[in-house]
Amino acid sequence: MAKLRLFLVFFFLFVFYVNIGTVESSMGRPRHSRQPGARNFIDVSCQTTRYPALCIKYLARYANSSIRNEQQLAQVALTISLYKARHTRSYMLKVAEELESIKAKEYPAVRDCLEQIEDSVNQLGQSIRELRRCSPETGITDDIFWHIDNVDTWISAALTDASNCVDEFPGRRMSKLKATIKVKVTNVAQLTSNALALFHRYAARYRSAANKKP
């Protein structure tokens, strides 16, 4: 009987530690480690961007998701840019209201920058909706290139507005407030630049296929 009890104790301890190890593995390890092919696809794609390290930093967390092609990668990159742009807009709205209430000299520059970020938010949202209309099942048609041109136009406009916003705060000597805004807006501009490069990588496949058509 004693041997049976000892066996049961070791058996339940074994089952307990196996279950704990399984839970810790699913919670503690980076999810993208299970998809080396997806991570490699992201790493290679990001090398075509202007800010590859930033690109990998934000996209690597999606290596275990449904990203399997250039369109999906561009879609995720644009969604990240939109999220950052919205976050920056919310911050600047609060700052602008405070500066206006005290008639601070920084208010005009912050107000102008805020308007440009508002435009970037709208344009990024339009580009995401338009990209979703680019269905691979439709093949090479005039419609697909019309959608591609629209996406290209809106992302480029969003990047221009974000870059112009950064230009509102020239030089290195500036207040902590301006420096904070510049960092946030620069991050939006860089992410948008990367998203545009990834979109161009996707669109190039369609243009290449169209050029090969008889």
Protein backbone atom coordinates (compact mmCIF):
# COMPACT_ATOMS: atom_id res chain seq x y z
CA MET A 1 0.00 0.00 0.00
CA ALA A 2 2.84 2.40 0.85
CA LYS A 3 4.43 1.78 -2.53
CA LEU A 4 1.11 2.49 -4.26
CA ARG A 5 0.70 5.78 -2.40
CA LEU A 6 4.25 6.79 -3.26
CA PHE A 7 3.65 5.98 -6.92
CA LEU A 8 0.44 8.05 -6.97
CA VAL A 9 2.21 11.02 -5.35
CA PHE A 10 4.97 11.00 -7.99
CA PHE A 11 2.43 10.52 -10.77
CA PHE A 12 0.33 13.56 -9.79
CA LEU A 13 3.46 15.67 -9.28
CA PHE A 14 4.58 14.72 -12.78
CA VAL A 15 1.20 15.68 -14.29
CA PHE A 16 1.20 18.97 -12.34
CA TYR A 17 4.63 20.06 -13.56
CA VAL A 18 3.88 19.06 -17.15
CA ASN A 19 0.75 21.25 -17.11
CA ILE A 20 2.60 24.16 -15.52
CA GLY A 21 5.34 23.90 -18.12
CA THR A 22 2.79 23.95 -20.91
CA VAL A 23 1.10 27.08 -19.54
CA GLU A 24 4.40 28.89 -19.00
CA SER A 25 5.50 27.99 -22.51
CA SER A 26 2.35 29.45 -24.04
CA MET A 27 2.45 32.60 -21.91
CA GLY A 28 6.12 33.40 -21.44
CA ARG A 29 7.75 32.72 -24.78
CA PRO A 30 7.49 35.11 -27.72
CA ARG A 31 4.72 33.88 -29.93
CA HIS A 32 6.67 34.54 -33.12
CA SER A 33 9.25 31.92 -32.09
CA ARG A 34 6.82 29.26 -33.28
CA GLN A 35 6.69 30.73 -36.78
CA PRO A 36 10.29 31.14 -37.98
CA GLY A 37 9.07 31.40 -41.58
CA ALA A 38 6.74 34.29 -40.75
CA ARG A 39 9.44 36.07 -38.75
CA ASN A 40 11.92 35.66 -41.58
CA PHE A 41 9.35 37.06 -44.02
CA ILE A 42 8.94 40.13 -41.82
CA ASP A 43 12.69 40.59 -41.39
CA VAL A 44 13.35 40.37 -45.12
CA SER A 45 10.44 42.69 -45.98
CA CYS A 46 11.55 45.29 -43.43
CA GLN A 47 14.98 45.56 -45.07
CA THR A 48 13.28 47.37 -47.96
CA THR A 49 12.08 50.15 -45.63
CA ARG A 50 13.86 53.32 -44.60
CA TYR A 51 13.75 52.40 -40.91
CA PRO A 52 14.19 48.59 -40.81
CA ALA A 53 14.88 48.31 -37.08
CA LEU A 54 11.70 50.22 -36.28
CA CYS A 55 9.80 48.13 -38.81
CA ILE A 56 10.92 44.86 -37.22
CA LYS A 57 10.27 46.17 -33.70
CA TYR A 58 6.60 46.80 -34.40
CA LEU A 59 5.85 43.96 -36.79
CA ALA A 60 7.74 41.10 -35.11
CA ARG A 61 4.95 40.69 -32.55
CA TYR A 62 2.63 39.68 -35.40
CA ALA A 63 4.88 36.86 -36.62
CA ASN A 64 2.48 34.26 -35.22
CA SER A 65 -0.63 35.87 -36.69
CA SER A 66 -2.22 35.52 -40.11
CA ILE A 67 0.48 37.49 -41.99
CA ARG A 68 1.34 35.37 -44.99
CA ASN A 69 1.85 37.82 -47.86
CA GLU A 70 2.78 41.39 -48.77
CA GLN A 71 -0.79 42.68 -48.69
CA GLN A 72 -1.41 41.47 -45.14
CA LEU A 73 1.95 42.86 -44.02
CA ALA A 74 1.16 46.27 -45.51
CA GLN A 75 -2.28 46.16 -43.89
CA VAL A 76 -0.79 45.56 -40.45
CA ALA A 77 1.88 48.24 -40.95
CA LEU A 78 -0.77 50.78 -41.90
CA THR A 79 -2.92 49.82 -38.93
CA ILE A 80 0.05 50.39 -36.60
CA SER A 81 0.67 53.80 -38.21
CA LEU A 82 -2.99 54.74 -37.78
CA TYR A 83 -2.96 53.68 -34.13
CA LYS A 84 0.13 55.80 -33.44
CA ALA A 85 -1.32 58.76 -35.34
CA ARG A 86 -4.55 58.59 -33.32
CA HIS A 87 -2.62 58.35 -30.08
CA THR A 88 -0.53 61.38 -31.04
CA ARG A 89 -3.64 63.31 -32.06
CA SER A 90 -5.27 62.66 -28.68
CA TYR A 91 -2.16 63.86 -26.88
CA MET A 92 -1.91 67.00 -29.01
CA LEU A 93 -5.60 67.82 -28.61
CA LYS A 94 -5.14 67.93 -24.87
CA VAL A 95 -1.95 69.99 -25.16
CA ALA A 96 -3.51 72.44 -27.63
CA GLU A 97 -6.48 73.06 -25.35
CA GLU A 98 -4.18 73.80 -22.43
CA LEU A 99 -1.95 76.12 -24.48
CA GLU A 100 -4.92 78.00 -25.91
CA SER A 101 -6.39 78.55 -22.45
CA ILE A 102 -3.22 80.30 -21.26
CA LYS A 103 -2.53 81.97 -24.62
CA ALA A 104 0.91 80.36 -24.81
CA LYS A 105 3.24 81.35 -27.63
CA GLU A 106 3.63 77.68 -28.62
CA TYR A 107 -0.06 77.35 -29.40
CA PRO A 108 -0.01 78.37 -33.12
CA ALA A 109 2.69 75.81 -34.01
CA VAL A 110 0.95 73.06 -32.02
CA ARG A 111 -2.40 73.95 -33.60
CA ASP A 112 -0.97 73.77 -37.12
CA CYS A 113 0.75 70.48 -36.36
CA LEU A 114 -2.46 69.09 -34.90
CA GLU A 115 -4.36 69.91 -38.08
CA GLN A 116 -1.78 68.04 -40.13
CA ILE A 117 -1.94 65.01 -37.83
CA GLU A 118 -5.73 65.09 -38.15
CA ASP A 119 -5.28 64.87 -41.92
CA SER A 120 -2.82 61.98 -41.52
CA VAL A 121 -5.32 60.06 -39.39
CA ASN A 122 -8.04 60.48 -42.02
CA GLN A 123 -5.75 59.55 -44.90
CA LEU A 124 -4.38 56.47 -43.19
CA GLY A 125 -7.91 55.33 -42.43
CA GLN A 126 -8.87 55.78 -46.08
CA SER A 127 -5.80 53.89 -47.27
CA ILE A 128 -6.59 50.91 -45.01
CA ARG A 129 -10.18 50.72 -46.25
CA GLU A 130 -9.03 50.97 -49.85
CA LEU A 131 -6.35 48.32 -49.44
CA ARG A 132 -9.00 45.89 -48.21
CA ARG A 133 -10.67 46.26 -51.60
CA CYS A 134 -7.59 44.89 -53.34
CA SER A 135 -8.72 41.29 -53.47
CA PRO A 136 -6.16 38.80 -54.87
CA GLU A 137 -9.02 36.81 -56.35
CA THR A 138 -9.86 39.56 -58.84
CA GLY A 139 -6.57 39.15 -60.71
CA ILE A 140 -4.88 41.85 -62.79
CA THR A 141 -7.60 44.35 -63.69
CA ASP A 142 -7.92 48.10 -64.14
CA ASP A 143 -9.87 48.22 -60.88
CA ILE A 144 -7.00 46.76 -58.87
CA PHE A 145 -4.62 49.44 -60.14
CA TRP A 146 -7.20 52.14 -59.39
CA HIS A 147 -7.34 50.94 -55.78
CA ILE A 148 -3.55 50.68 -55.62
CA ASP A 149 -3.12 54.25 -56.89
CA ASN A 150 -5.63 55.48 -54.30
CA VAL A 151 -3.80 53.75 -51.47
CA ASP A 152 -0.48 55.12 -52.70
CA THR A 153 -1.89 58.65 -52.86
CA TRP A 154 -3.38 58.57 -49.35
CA ILE A 155 -0.33 57.04 -47.64
CA SER A 156 1.95 59.53 -49.38
CA ALA A 157 -0.30 62.41 -48.29
CA ALA A 158 -0.34 61.12 -44.70
CA LEU A 159 3.45 60.93 -44.73
CA THR A 160 3.74 64.46 -46.14
CA ASP A 161 1.43 65.88 -43.45
CA ALA A 162 3.29 64.11 -40.64
CA SER A 163 6.63 65.30 -42.02
CA ASN A 164 5.34 68.88 -42.30
CA CYS A 165 4.19 68.63 -38.71
CA VAL A 166 7.72 67.69 -37.64
CA ASP A 167 9.00 70.73 -39.52
CA GLU A 168 6.92 72.95 -37.24
CA PHE A 169 9.54 72.30 -34.55
CA PRO A 170 12.95 72.99 -36.13
CA GLY A 171 16.29 73.00 -34.35
CA ARG A 172 17.43 71.29 -31.18
CA ARG A 173 16.85 73.99 -28.60
CA MET A 174 13.20 73.75 -27.69
CA SER A 175 10.96 73.31 -24.70
CA LYS A 176 10.30 69.87 -23.25
CA LEU A 177 6.75 70.08 -24.58
CA LYS A 178 7.85 70.73 -28.16
CA ALA A 179 10.50 68.03 -27.93
CA THR A 180 7.89 65.50 -26.75
CA ILE A 181 5.53 66.40 -29.58
CA LYS A 182 8.35 66.18 -32.13
CA VAL A 183 9.32 62.69 -30.93
CA LYS A 184 5.73 61.45 -31.15
CA VAL A 185 5.11 62.93 -34.59
CA THR A 186 8.48 61.72 -35.90
CA ASN A 187 7.50 58.21 -34.83
CA VAL A 188 4.26 58.52 -36.82
CA ALA A 189 6.15 59.79 -39.87
CA GLN A 190 8.72 56.97 -39.72
CA LEU A 191 6.09 54.25 -39.28
CA THR A 192 4.10 55.71 -42.16
CA SER A 193 7.22 55.79 -44.33
CA ASN A 194 7.80 52.11 -43.56
CA ALA A 195 4.16 51.26 -44.31
CA LEU A 196 4.45 53.03 -47.66
CA ALA A 197 7.58 51.03 -48.53
CA LEU A 198 5.87 47.76 -47.61
CA PHE A 199 2.86 48.74 -49.68
CA HIS A 200 5.11 49.48 -52.65
CA ARG A 201 6.60 46.01 -52.20
CA TYR A 202 3.10 44.56 -52.45
CA ALA A 203 2.04 46.75 -55.41
CA ALA A 204 5.22 45.92 -57.34
CA ARG A 205 4.04 42.33 -57.75
CA TYR A 206 0.92 43.47 -59.56
CA ARG A 207 2.82 45.89 -61.77
CA SER A 208 5.40 43.23 -62.60
CA ALA A 209 2.68 40.73 -63.50
CA ALA A 210 0.90 43.33 -65.64
CA ASN A 211 4.09 44.08 -67.56
CA LYS A 212 4.49 40.40 -68.39
CA LYS A 213 1.02 40.11 -69.86
CA PRO A 214 1.02 39.79 -73.68
